[in-house]
Amino acid sequence: MYTGSESTVIALVVLVAFGILGWGFYRAKPFGKLGILAWLQSVVLIAPWLLFFGSFAAGIYINLAGILLLIVASTIAYVFIGNRLRAENAQNILRKEEPKASMPNGQPVTLDPKSTEQTPVEQIAPIPAEDLAAIKGIFSIDTYFAVETIPYQEGVICKGNLRGEAEEVHQRLTARLHEKLGDSYRLFLVENLDAKPVVIVLPSRTDLRSITLGQKIFAALLFIATIATSLETAGLLLNFDFFTNPARLPEVLPISIGIIAVLIAHEIAHRVIARRYQVTLSPPFFLPTLQIGSFGAITRFLSLVPNRKALFDIAFAGPAAGGALSLLILIVGLILSHPGSLFQVPVEFFQGSILVGTLARVILGSEVHNQLIDVNPLTVVGWLGLVITALNVMPAGQLDGGRIVQAIYGRKTAGRTTFATLIVLAIASLANPVAMYWAIVIVFLQRDAERPSLNEITEPDDARAALGLLALFLMISVLLPLTPALAGRLGIGT
């Protein structure tokens, strides 16, 4: 049974979730039917858990059978809405009869194919005839044989047959487009709903997404809040409340600096690789939490990504840097640990992670037989860094793990892994409400779909695919606890 304070926390989480859903509806409404359908998908995913925790906070208990029924109903609704969304999107984008433009408020406007005049002043102008003719001229029988050209908004959709390697064809078509029209347009090579290559040409002025002053201020405030929660986390690990004992700042600084160092290493790695591919990233929006200091940061792509290889490299760089630093800190901490070290942690600390427990058994040896184990503070910092990194490698949404899966396996697989991750988090939230919070964050990230790469067809090489699978494996080994049987075999706590 939850205590009064725990019920209050759950109630607050539910209220925040409803607020996010309301804000999501406000953002989705201008996009018409497509926006509402996408919003409804988010609703049906978290509705069972909002109902469960909301009822629990109100003193009403829903048994396991009821929870399973809610999950089944939610899954059926999600699949149904997803089918409607795909069908509506196919009709809206690839419709042949009436090209459409969108007004700034998101309302579709039908254009008269025989006239270049638009009744509403705000209507987006169709692609000029001379530009359309130039775009048609870039295709050839040895690159991409276009069989149908459909003007769409300020650009054009070209359906046809790919006549070569996708990467080479994209480079040649992009070069020809640049020769004819300069830097005015961008050429995308993507797959349609039938998994066939489609060329889409759009104006280059849509390349860069804007970041407002308010968003920059919000990112700065989140970073300040993350510093505060890192200090408080360090205080809790030292068995005192830092917010009520700020004079003990020197005691908490080493741990909090370690947490911030892992976060900064993660973000710097993202930006170093993004600069290599000339991709602009938004400021990191850190997610502060009292449990482990931070859940990491959310970073958006402000400019277009050239291909899936670049998407993988940028997404993988952050977890690789943060994870490597955390692992190094953990190993050094374990090596420096000895009887009388500053921290005393219960053996459950090492039983909570397959990777951490295995390393502790190898380095500490028989010390892990004890119920209380003396460890160097670096051990705790490394463990926190690994958890933060692992959470960001979960294969869902616009987290690093979601982008890694999308880069290797494509959008459809990434969508399925996102759904599976949300189900796992929903089940885990029965034991730990923090999982519910993380699921809400992932759903919140789905409000804006990741823009396609310029070349969405060419897959990363096998080496990158292997690295991606390694990252996912390490994520599982960090977050998955040792079973009692495995802990017994390793001699942890026995």
Protein backbone atom coordinates (compact mmCIF):
# COMPACT_ATOMS: atom_id res chain seq x y z
CA MET A 1 0.00 0.00 0.00
CA TYR A 2 1.29 3.45 -0.86
CA THR A 3 1.89 6.02 1.87
CA GLY A 4 0.26 9.44 1.79
CA SER A 5 3.35 11.08 0.31
CA GLU A 6 3.68 8.40 -2.37
CA SER A 7 0.01 8.81 -3.30
CA THR A 8 0.58 12.54 -3.58
CA VAL A 9 3.54 11.99 -5.91
CA ILE A 10 1.50 9.61 -8.07
CA ALA A 11 -1.35 12.11 -8.19
CA LEU A 12 1.07 14.84 -9.28
CA VAL A 13 2.48 12.57 -12.01
CA VAL A 14 -1.05 11.89 -13.26
CA LEU A 15 -1.87 15.61 -13.27
CA VAL A 16 1.32 16.40 -15.17
CA ALA A 17 0.50 13.64 -17.67
CA PHE A 18 -2.97 15.10 -18.24
CA GLY A 19 -1.38 18.51 -18.70
CA ILE A 20 1.02 17.11 -21.30
CA LEU A 21 -1.87 15.40 -23.11
CA GLY A 22 -3.84 18.65 -23.12
CA TRP A 23 -0.87 20.54 -24.49
CA GLY A 24 -0.36 17.81 -27.08
CA PHE A 25 -3.97 18.16 -28.24
CA TYR A 26 -3.49 21.92 -28.52
CA ARG A 27 -0.40 21.34 -30.69
CA ALA A 28 -2.05 18.59 -32.77
CA LYS A 29 -5.35 20.33 -33.51
CA PRO A 30 -4.00 22.72 -36.20
CA PHE A 31 -2.77 19.72 -38.21
CA GLY A 32 -6.30 18.48 -38.72
CA LYS A 33 -7.19 14.81 -38.86
CA LEU A 34 -3.58 13.60 -39.07
CA GLY A 35 -2.64 15.56 -35.96
CA ILE A 36 -5.63 14.33 -33.96
CA LEU A 37 -4.97 10.71 -34.93
CA ALA A 38 -1.32 11.00 -33.91
CA TRP A 39 -2.39 12.55 -30.61
CA LEU A 40 -4.92 9.77 -30.01
CA GLN A 41 -2.13 7.20 -30.39
CA SER A 42 -0.30 8.85 -27.52
CA VAL A 43 -3.48 8.90 -25.45
CA VAL A 44 -4.27 5.20 -25.85
CA LEU A 45 -0.70 4.24 -24.96
CA ILE A 46 -0.67 5.90 -21.56
CA ALA A 47 -4.42 5.85 -20.77
CA PRO A 48 -4.33 2.48 -18.94
CA TRP A 49 -1.55 3.64 -16.65
CA LEU A 50 -3.09 7.03 -16.03
CA LEU A 51 -6.29 5.23 -15.07
CA PHE A 52 -4.43 2.77 -12.86
CA PHE A 53 -2.32 5.31 -10.99
CA GLY A 54 -5.12 7.86 -10.86
CA SER A 55 -7.44 5.27 -9.33
CA PHE A 56 -4.75 4.16 -6.90
CA ALA A 57 -4.13 7.74 -5.78
CA ALA A 58 -7.88 7.98 -5.17
CA GLY A 59 -7.83 4.76 -3.10
CA ILE A 60 -9.34 2.51 -5.79
CA TYR A 61 -7.36 -0.66 -6.56
CA ILE A 62 -7.42 -2.27 -10.03
CA ASN A 63 -6.37 -5.92 -9.95
CA LEU A 64 -4.00 -7.63 -12.39
CA ALA A 65 -6.83 -8.92 -14.60
CA GLY A 66 -8.15 -5.39 -14.98
CA ILE A 67 -4.70 -4.09 -15.84
CA LEU A 68 -4.19 -6.77 -18.50
CA LEU A 69 -7.61 -5.95 -19.96
CA LEU A 70 -6.67 -2.27 -20.16
CA ILE A 71 -3.37 -3.14 -21.87
CA VAL A 72 -5.10 -5.37 -24.44
CA ALA A 73 -7.71 -2.69 -25.16
CA SER A 74 -5.00 -0.05 -25.45
CA THR A 75 -2.99 -2.21 -27.87
CA ILE A 76 -6.01 -2.87 -30.10
CA ALA A 77 -6.87 0.83 -30.13
CA TYR A 78 -3.26 1.77 -30.92
CA VAL A 79 -3.11 -0.61 -33.89
CA PHE A 80 -6.50 0.57 -35.20
CA ILE A 81 -5.57 4.25 -34.97
CA GLY A 82 -2.15 3.52 -36.53
CA ASN A 83 -3.84 1.91 -39.55
CA ARG A 84 -6.17 4.90 -39.91
CA LEU A 85 -3.23 7.27 -39.60
CA ARG A 86 -1.21 5.52 -42.31
CA ALA A 87 -4.21 5.38 -44.64
CA GLU A 88 -5.00 9.05 -44.13
CA ASN A 89 -1.36 10.02 -44.60
CA ALA A 90 -1.14 8.04 -47.85
CA GLN A 91 -4.24 9.77 -49.20
CA ASN A 92 -3.07 13.17 -48.07
CA ILE A 93 0.51 13.06 -49.39
CA LEU A 94 0.38 10.85 -52.46
CA ARG A 95 -3.02 11.93 -53.76
CA LYS A 96 -2.86 12.38 -57.52
CA GLU A 97 -6.01 14.24 -58.30
CA GLU A 98 -5.72 17.42 -56.21
CA PRO A 99 -2.35 18.74 -55.07
CA LYS A 100 -2.68 20.49 -51.74
CA ALA A 101 -0.90 23.18 -49.82
CA SER A 102 -1.06 23.92 -46.15
CA MET A 103 -1.81 27.27 -44.61
CA PRO A 104 0.27 28.40 -41.62
CA ASN A 105 -2.53 27.32 -39.31
CA GLY A 106 -2.28 23.77 -40.64
CA GLN A 107 -5.61 23.75 -42.55
CA PRO A 108 -5.36 22.09 -45.99
CA VAL A 109 -6.29 24.18 -49.03
CA THR A 110 -7.20 22.67 -52.40
CA LEU A 111 -5.44 24.24 -55.34
CA ASP A 112 -6.81 24.47 -58.84
CA PRO A 113 -4.33 22.59 -61.04
CA LYS A 114 -5.22 24.91 -63.99
CA SER A 115 -4.51 28.09 -62.09
CA THR A 116 -1.51 29.40 -60.18
CA GLU A 117 -3.67 31.79 -58.19
CA GLN A 118 -4.57 30.95 -54.62
CA THR A 119 -7.68 32.30 -53.01
CA PRO A 120 -6.37 32.69 -49.43
CA VAL A 121 -3.46 35.14 -49.22
CA GLU A 122 -1.74 32.91 -46.66
CA GLN A 123 -1.71 29.90 -48.95
CA ILE A 124 1.66 28.31 -49.77
CA ALA A 125 2.65 28.95 -53.39
CA PRO A 126 3.08 25.85 -55.58
CA ILE A 127 6.43 25.13 -57.18
CA PRO A 128 7.13 27.45 -60.16
CA ALA A 129 6.68 25.82 -63.56
CA GLU A 130 10.25 26.54 -64.63
CA ASP A 131 11.62 24.94 -61.44
CA LEU A 132 9.39 21.91 -61.97
CA ALA A 133 10.70 21.53 -65.52
CA ALA A 134 14.29 21.78 -64.28
CA ILE A 135 13.67 19.12 -61.63
CA LYS A 136 12.20 16.75 -64.20
CA GLY A 137 15.36 17.19 -66.23
CA ILE A 138 17.68 15.77 -63.55
CA PHE A 139 16.38 12.21 -63.96
CA SER A 140 17.77 9.68 -66.39
CA ILE A 141 17.41 6.03 -67.22
CA ASP A 142 20.69 5.19 -65.44
CA THR A 143 19.83 6.89 -62.14
CA TYR A 144 16.14 7.23 -61.36
CA PHE A 145 13.52 6.66 -64.06
CA ALA A 146 10.66 8.97 -63.05
CA VAL A 147 7.25 7.78 -64.27
CA GLU A 148 5.07 10.26 -62.40
CA THR A 149 5.62 13.77 -61.04
CA ILE A 150 3.20 15.17 -58.46
CA PRO A 151 3.49 18.83 -57.36
CA TYR A 152 3.23 18.92 -53.57
CA GLN A 153 3.14 22.13 -51.55
CA GLU A 154 6.26 24.10 -52.54
CA GLY A 155 8.00 21.05 -53.95
CA VAL A 156 7.37 17.91 -55.92
CA ILE A 157 7.04 14.14 -55.40
CA CYS A 158 8.58 11.97 -58.14
CA LYS A 159 7.55 8.34 -58.31
CA GLY A 160 9.59 5.93 -60.39
CA ASN A 161 12.25 3.22 -60.43
CA LEU A 162 15.70 3.31 -58.88
CA ARG A 163 18.37 2.28 -61.40
CA GLY A 164 21.49 1.90 -59.26
CA GLU A 165 22.92 2.03 -55.76
CA ALA A 166 20.85 4.41 -53.65
CA GLU A 167 23.82 6.36 -52.29
CA GLU A 168 25.40 6.91 -55.71
CA VAL A 169 22.05 7.80 -57.30
CA HIS A 170 21.28 10.30 -54.55
CA GLN A 171 24.67 11.97 -54.97
CA ARG A 172 24.29 12.24 -58.75
CA LEU A 173 20.73 13.56 -58.59
CA THR A 174 21.69 16.08 -55.89
CA ALA A 175 24.62 17.30 -58.00
CA ARG A 176 22.39 17.73 -61.08
CA LEU A 177 19.77 19.55 -59.04
CA HIS A 178 22.45 21.92 -57.71
CA GLU A 179 23.70 22.57 -61.27
CA LYS A 180 20.23 23.52 -62.46
CA LEU A 181 18.75 25.35 -59.48
CA GLY A 182 21.68 26.09 -57.19
CA ASP A 183 21.01 25.75 -53.48
CA SER A 184 17.29 26.48 -53.70
CA TYR A 185 16.05 22.91 -53.23
CA ARG A 186 16.88 19.72 -51.31
CA LEU A 187 16.43 16.25 -52.75
CA PHE A 188 15.19 13.44 -50.50
CA LEU A 189 15.37 9.77 -51.48
CA VAL A 190 12.90 7.91 -49.26
CA GLU A 191 10.62 4.88 -49.26
CA ASN A 192 6.86 5.15 -49.69
CA LEU A 193 4.30 2.99 -47.90
CA ASP A 194 4.95 0.20 -50.40
CA ALA A 195 8.70 0.25 -49.59
CA LYS A 196 9.48 1.64 -53.06
CA PRO A 197 11.99 4.47 -53.61
CA VAL A 198 10.44 7.92 -54.03
CA VAL A 199 12.21 11.22 -54.73
CA ILE A 200 10.88 14.30 -52.94
CA VAL A 201 12.23 17.78 -53.71
CA LEU A 202 11.50 20.59 -51.25
CA PRO A 203 12.76 24.20 -50.88
CA SER A 204 16.00 24.53 -48.92
CA ARG A 205 14.62 27.34 -46.75
CA THR A 206 12.93 24.63 -44.66
CA ASP A 207 16.32 23.04 -43.87
CA LEU A 208 16.90 24.73 -40.54
CA ARG A 209 14.37 24.61 -37.75
CA SER A 210 14.34 27.63 -35.49
CA ILE A 211 15.00 27.64 -31.77
CA THR A 212 13.28 30.41 -29.85
CA LEU A 213 14.73 32.53 -27.05
CA GLY A 214 12.17 30.98 -24.71
CA GLN A 215 13.39 27.48 -25.55
CA LYS A 216 17.00 28.53 -24.92
CA ILE A 217 16.03 29.97 -21.54
CA PHE A 218 14.07 26.80 -20.74
CA ALA A 219 17.12 24.66 -21.63
CA ALA A 220 19.30 26.81 -19.34
CA LEU A 221 16.80 26.49 -16.48
CA LEU A 222 16.70 22.71 -16.91
CA PHE A 223 20.50 22.58 -16.74
CA ILE A 224 20.48 24.63 -13.52
CA ALA A 225 17.80 22.30 -12.12
CA THR A 226 19.95 19.30 -13.11
CA ILE A 227 22.90 20.73 -11.18
CA ALA A 228 20.61 21.12 -8.16
CA THR A 229 19.24 17.58 -8.39
CA SER A 230 22.78 16.20 -8.84
CA LEU A 231 23.82 17.92 -5.61
CA GLU A 232 20.74 16.57 -3.83
CA THR A 233 21.34 13.04 -5.18
CA ALA A 234 24.89 13.19 -3.83
CA GLY A 235 23.55 14.34 -0.47
CA LEU A 236 21.03 11.51 -0.31
CA LEU A 237 23.81 9.02 -1.07
CA LEU A 238 25.70 10.51 1.88
CA ASN A 239 22.59 10.16 4.07
CA PHE A 240 21.63 13.82 4.37
CA ASP A 241 19.40 16.34 2.61
CA PHE A 242 21.58 18.86 0.80
CA PHE A 243 18.74 21.37 0.29
CA THR A 244 18.42 21.73 4.06
CA ASN A 245 22.20 21.53 4.63
CA PRO A 246 23.76 23.69 1.87
CA ALA A 247 26.83 24.33 4.05
CA ARG A 248 27.90 20.73 3.32
CA LEU A 249 28.49 21.62 -0.33
CA PRO A 250 32.14 20.41 -0.35
CA GLU A 251 30.95 16.90 0.58
CA VAL A 252 28.55 16.56 -2.34
CA LEU A 253 30.63 18.31 -5.02
CA PRO A 254 32.77 15.29 -6.07
CA ILE A 255 29.76 13.07 -6.82
CA SER A 256 27.69 15.82 -8.45
CA ILE A 257 30.66 16.88 -10.60
CA GLY A 258 31.02 13.24 -11.72
CA ILE A 259 27.37 13.11 -12.78
CA ILE A 260 27.61 16.42 -14.66
CA ALA A 261 30.86 15.28 -16.30
CA VAL A 262 29.13 12.20 -17.75
CA LEU A 263 26.26 14.36 -19.06
CA ILE A 264 28.62 16.91 -20.63
CA ALA A 265 30.79 14.21 -22.23
CA HIS A 266 27.64 12.73 -23.74
CA GLU A 267 26.52 16.06 -25.24
CA ILE A 268 29.98 17.09 -26.47
CA ALA A 269 30.31 13.80 -28.36
CA HIS A 270 26.96 14.41 -30.07
CA ARG A 271 28.08 17.84 -31.20
CA VAL A 272 31.54 16.84 -32.37
CA ILE A 273 30.11 14.19 -34.72
CA ALA A 274 27.20 16.43 -35.77
CA ARG A 275 29.67 19.14 -36.79
CA ARG A 276 31.55 16.59 -38.89
CA TYR A 277 28.34 16.01 -40.87
CA GLN A 278 27.41 19.73 -40.81
CA VAL A 279 24.29 19.02 -38.78
CA THR A 280 22.97 21.62 -36.34
CA LEU A 281 21.63 20.44 -32.97
CA SER A 282 19.39 22.20 -30.50
CA PRO A 283 20.56 23.01 -26.98
CA PRO A 284 20.28 19.91 -24.75
CA PHE A 285 17.11 19.82 -22.67
CA PHE A 286 18.28 18.04 -19.51
CA LEU A 287 15.82 16.00 -17.47
CA PRO A 288 16.52 16.52 -13.76
CA THR A 289 15.55 13.87 -11.22
CA LEU A 290 16.29 13.31 -7.55
CA GLN A 291 16.76 9.55 -8.00
CA ILE A 292 19.98 9.61 -10.05
CA GLY A 293 20.58 13.32 -10.63
CA SER A 294 19.40 13.36 -14.24
CA PHE A 295 17.77 11.14 -16.82
CA GLY A 296 20.04 12.58 -19.50
CA ALA A 297 19.05 15.16 -22.10
CA ILE A 298 16.82 15.48 -25.13
CA THR A 299 18.45 17.00 -28.22
CA ARG A 300 16.65 17.84 -31.46
CA PHE A 301 18.03 17.97 -34.98
CA LEU A 302 17.59 21.53 -36.21
CA SER A 303 18.99 20.84 -39.68
CA LEU A 304 18.67 17.94 -42.08
CA VAL A 305 20.70 14.77 -41.63
CA PRO A 306 22.41 13.65 -44.87
CA ASN A 307 21.85 9.90 -44.46
CA ARG A 308 21.20 7.08 -42.02
CA LYS A 309 24.92 6.58 -41.45
CA ALA A 310 25.17 10.14 -40.14
CA LEU A 311 22.05 9.60 -38.02
CA PHE A 312 23.66 6.54 -36.46
CA ASP A 313 27.03 8.20 -35.85
CA ILE A 314 25.50 11.26 -34.17
CA ALA A 315 23.11 9.21 -32.03
CA PHE A 316 25.73 6.62 -31.08
CA ALA A 317 28.47 9.11 -30.20
CA GLY A 318 26.77 10.40 -27.05
CA PRO A 319 26.13 7.05 -25.35
CA ALA A 320 29.56 5.81 -26.47
CA ALA A 321 31.34 8.74 -24.80
CA GLY A 322 29.14 8.89 -21.69
CA GLY A 323 29.09 5.11 -21.31
CA ALA A 324 32.85 4.71 -21.78
CA LEU A 325 33.56 7.45 -19.22
CA SER A 326 31.07 5.94 -16.75
CA LEU A 327 32.51 2.44 -17.19
CA LEU A 328 36.03 3.75 -16.66
CA ILE A 329 34.96 5.61 -13.52
CA LEU A 330 33.18 2.49 -12.22
CA ILE A 331 36.20 0.23 -12.80
CA VAL A 332 38.59 2.74 -11.20
CA GLY A 333 36.20 3.08 -8.26
CA LEU A 334 36.03 -0.67 -7.77
CA ILE A 335 39.83 -0.97 -7.96
CA LEU A 336 40.26 1.79 -5.36
CA SER A 337 37.62 0.31 -3.05
CA HIS A 338 38.86 -1.23 0.20
CA PRO A 339 37.56 -1.86 3.73
CA GLY A 340 37.08 1.57 5.26
CA SER A 341 36.21 3.37 2.00
CA LEU A 342 33.90 6.38 2.26
CA PHE A 343 30.75 4.61 1.05
CA GLN A 344 29.00 1.58 2.47
CA VAL A 345 26.47 0.16 0.03
CA PRO A 346 24.14 -2.81 0.55
CA VAL A 347 24.81 -5.87 -1.60
CA GLU A 348 21.55 -5.12 -3.47
CA PHE A 349 23.48 -2.27 -5.10
CA PHE A 350 25.42 -4.83 -7.13
CA GLN A 351 22.51 -7.22 -7.55
CA GLY A 352 20.55 -4.50 -9.36
CA SER A 353 22.61 -4.74 -12.55
CA ILE A 354 24.09 -7.71 -14.42
CA LEU A 355 27.03 -5.67 -15.72
CA VAL A 356 27.84 -3.86 -12.46
CA GLY A 357 27.41 -7.03 -10.40
CA THR A 358 29.67 -9.07 -12.67
CA LEU A 359 32.41 -6.41 -12.62
CA ALA A 360 32.16 -6.14 -8.84
CA ARG A 361 32.56 -9.89 -8.47
CA VAL A 362 35.65 -9.90 -10.71
CA ILE A 363 37.35 -6.90 -9.09
CA LEU A 364 36.21 -7.06 -5.45
CA GLY A 365 36.29 -10.82 -5.17
CA SER A 366 35.00 -12.23 -1.89
CA GLU A 367 34.06 -8.76 -0.62
CA VAL A 368 30.72 -9.09 -2.44
CA HIS A 369 29.74 -11.90 -0.06
CA ASN A 370 29.05 -9.29 2.64
CA GLN A 371 25.70 -7.61 3.14
CA LEU A 372 27.42 -4.22 3.39
CA ILE A 373 30.33 -3.44 1.07
CA ASP A 374 32.78 -0.55 1.40
CA VAL A 375 33.31 1.18 -1.97
CA ASN A 376 35.09 4.24 -3.30
CA PRO A 377 32.73 7.13 -4.26
CA LEU A 378 33.81 6.74 -7.90
CA THR A 379 32.00 3.40 -7.91
CA VAL A 380 28.70 5.14 -7.23
CA VAL A 381 29.41 7.87 -9.81
CA GLY A 382 30.21 5.24 -12.45
CA TRP A 383 27.06 3.30 -11.65
CA LEU A 384 24.89 6.43 -11.91
CA GLY A 385 26.53 7.36 -15.22
CA LEU A 386 25.88 3.91 -16.65
CA VAL A 387 22.22 4.05 -15.64
CA ILE A 388 21.80 7.51 -17.20
CA THR A 389 23.45 6.31 -20.40
CA ALA A 390 21.42 3.09 -20.51
CA LEU A 391 18.14 4.96 -20.15
CA ASN A 392 19.03 7.05 -23.19
CA VAL A 393 19.90 3.93 -25.21
CA MET A 394 16.42 2.47 -24.77
CA PRO A 395 15.14 1.82 -28.32
CA ALA A 396 12.27 4.28 -28.26
CA GLY A 397 11.22 7.52 -29.89
CA GLN A 398 13.83 10.23 -30.28
CA LEU A 399 16.07 8.85 -27.57
CA ASP A 400 19.56 7.91 -28.76
CA GLY A 401 18.56 4.25 -28.79
CA GLY A 402 15.47 4.98 -30.87
CA ARG A 403 17.56 6.87 -33.41
CA ILE A 404 20.12 4.07 -33.50
CA VAL A 405 17.41 1.51 -34.28
CA GLN A 406 15.90 3.82 -36.91
CA ALA A 407 19.30 4.28 -38.55
CA ILE A 408 20.01 0.54 -38.71
CA TYR A 409 16.59 -0.99 -39.33
CA GLY A 410 14.38 1.83 -40.61
CA ARG A 411 11.35 3.72 -39.39
CA LYS A 412 8.92 0.81 -39.24
CA THR A 413 11.12 -1.25 -36.95
CA ALA A 414 11.86 1.83 -34.83
CA GLY A 415 8.13 2.35 -34.40
CA ARG A 416 7.66 -1.24 -33.27
CA THR A 417 10.53 -1.08 -30.78
CA THR A 418 9.12 2.16 -29.39
CA PHE A 419 5.78 0.48 -28.79
CA ALA A 420 7.44 -2.58 -27.21
CA THR A 421 9.58 -0.35 -24.96
CA LEU A 422 6.50 1.52 -23.77
CA ILE A 423 4.79 -1.76 -22.90
CA VAL A 424 7.85 -2.91 -20.91
CA LEU A 425 8.01 0.43 -19.09
CA ALA A 426 4.31 0.27 -18.35
CA ILE A 427 4.73 -3.15 -16.75
CA ALA A 428 7.84 -2.01 -14.87
CA SER A 429 5.92 0.99 -13.52
CA LEU A 430 3.88 -1.41 -11.37
CA ALA A 431 7.02 -1.86 -9.28
CA ASN A 432 8.68 1.51 -9.85
CA PRO A 433 6.69 4.69 -10.68
CA VAL A 434 9.84 6.18 -12.23
CA ALA A 435 9.30 3.89 -15.23
CA MET A 436 5.92 5.57 -15.73
CA TYR A 437 7.63 8.96 -15.81
CA TRP A 438 10.10 7.76 -18.43
CA ALA A 439 7.27 6.31 -20.54
CA ILE A 440 5.49 9.69 -20.46
CA VAL A 441 8.70 11.39 -21.58
CA ILE A 442 8.99 9.01 -24.55
CA VAL A 443 5.34 9.56 -25.54
CA PHE A 444 5.88 13.30 -25.23
CA LEU A 445 8.78 13.02 -27.70
CA GLN A 446 6.47 11.52 -30.34
CA ARG A 447 4.58 14.77 -30.83
CA ASP A 448 6.95 15.70 -33.69
CA ALA A 449 8.12 12.98 -36.06
CA GLU A 450 11.84 12.83 -36.82
CA ARG A 451 12.43 14.39 -40.23
CA PRO A 452 13.73 11.92 -42.83
CA SER A 453 17.37 11.94 -43.87
CA LEU A 454 18.18 13.25 -47.33
CA ASN A 455 19.04 9.65 -48.26
CA GLU A 456 16.70 7.49 -46.21
CA ILE A 457 17.28 4.29 -48.19
CA THR A 458 20.98 3.45 -47.85
CA GLU A 459 21.56 1.42 -44.67
CA PRO A 460 24.62 1.80 -42.43
CA ASP A 461 27.38 -0.79 -42.86
CA ASP A 462 27.66 -4.00 -40.87
CA ALA A 463 30.21 -2.53 -38.46
CA ARG A 464 27.75 0.15 -37.38
CA ALA A 465 24.98 -2.41 -37.09
CA ALA A 466 27.20 -4.49 -34.79
CA LEU A 467 28.01 -1.42 -32.67
CA GLY A 468 24.32 -0.64 -32.40
CA LEU A 469 23.51 -4.15 -31.23
CA LEU A 470 26.39 -3.94 -28.73
CA ALA A 471 24.97 -0.69 -27.33
CA LEU A 472 21.53 -2.27 -26.93
CA PHE A 473 23.06 -5.35 -25.27
CA LEU A 474 25.00 -3.21 -22.78
CA MET A 475 21.85 -1.19 -22.09
CA ILE A 476 20.02 -4.38 -21.13
CA SER A 477 22.95 -5.63 -19.03
CA VAL A 478 22.99 -2.36 -17.08
CA LEU A 479 19.25 -2.07 -16.46
CA LEU A 480 18.43 -5.76 -15.95
CA PRO A 481 18.97 -6.97 -12.38
CA LEU A 482 20.67 -10.22 -11.45
CA THR A 483 18.27 -13.07 -10.80
CA PRO A 484 18.63 -14.71 -7.36
CA ALA A 485 20.02 -17.83 -9.03
CA LEU A 486 22.66 -15.91 -11.01
CA ALA A 487 23.57 -13.79 -7.99
CA GLY A 488 24.06 -17.02 -6.03
CA ARG A 489 26.31 -18.48 -8.70
CA LEU A 490 28.41 -15.32 -8.71
CA GLY A 491 28.53 -15.38 -4.94
CA ILE A 492 27.05 -11.89 -4.58
CA GLY A 493 25.44 -11.59 -1.17
CA THR A 494 25.99 -15.22 -0.22
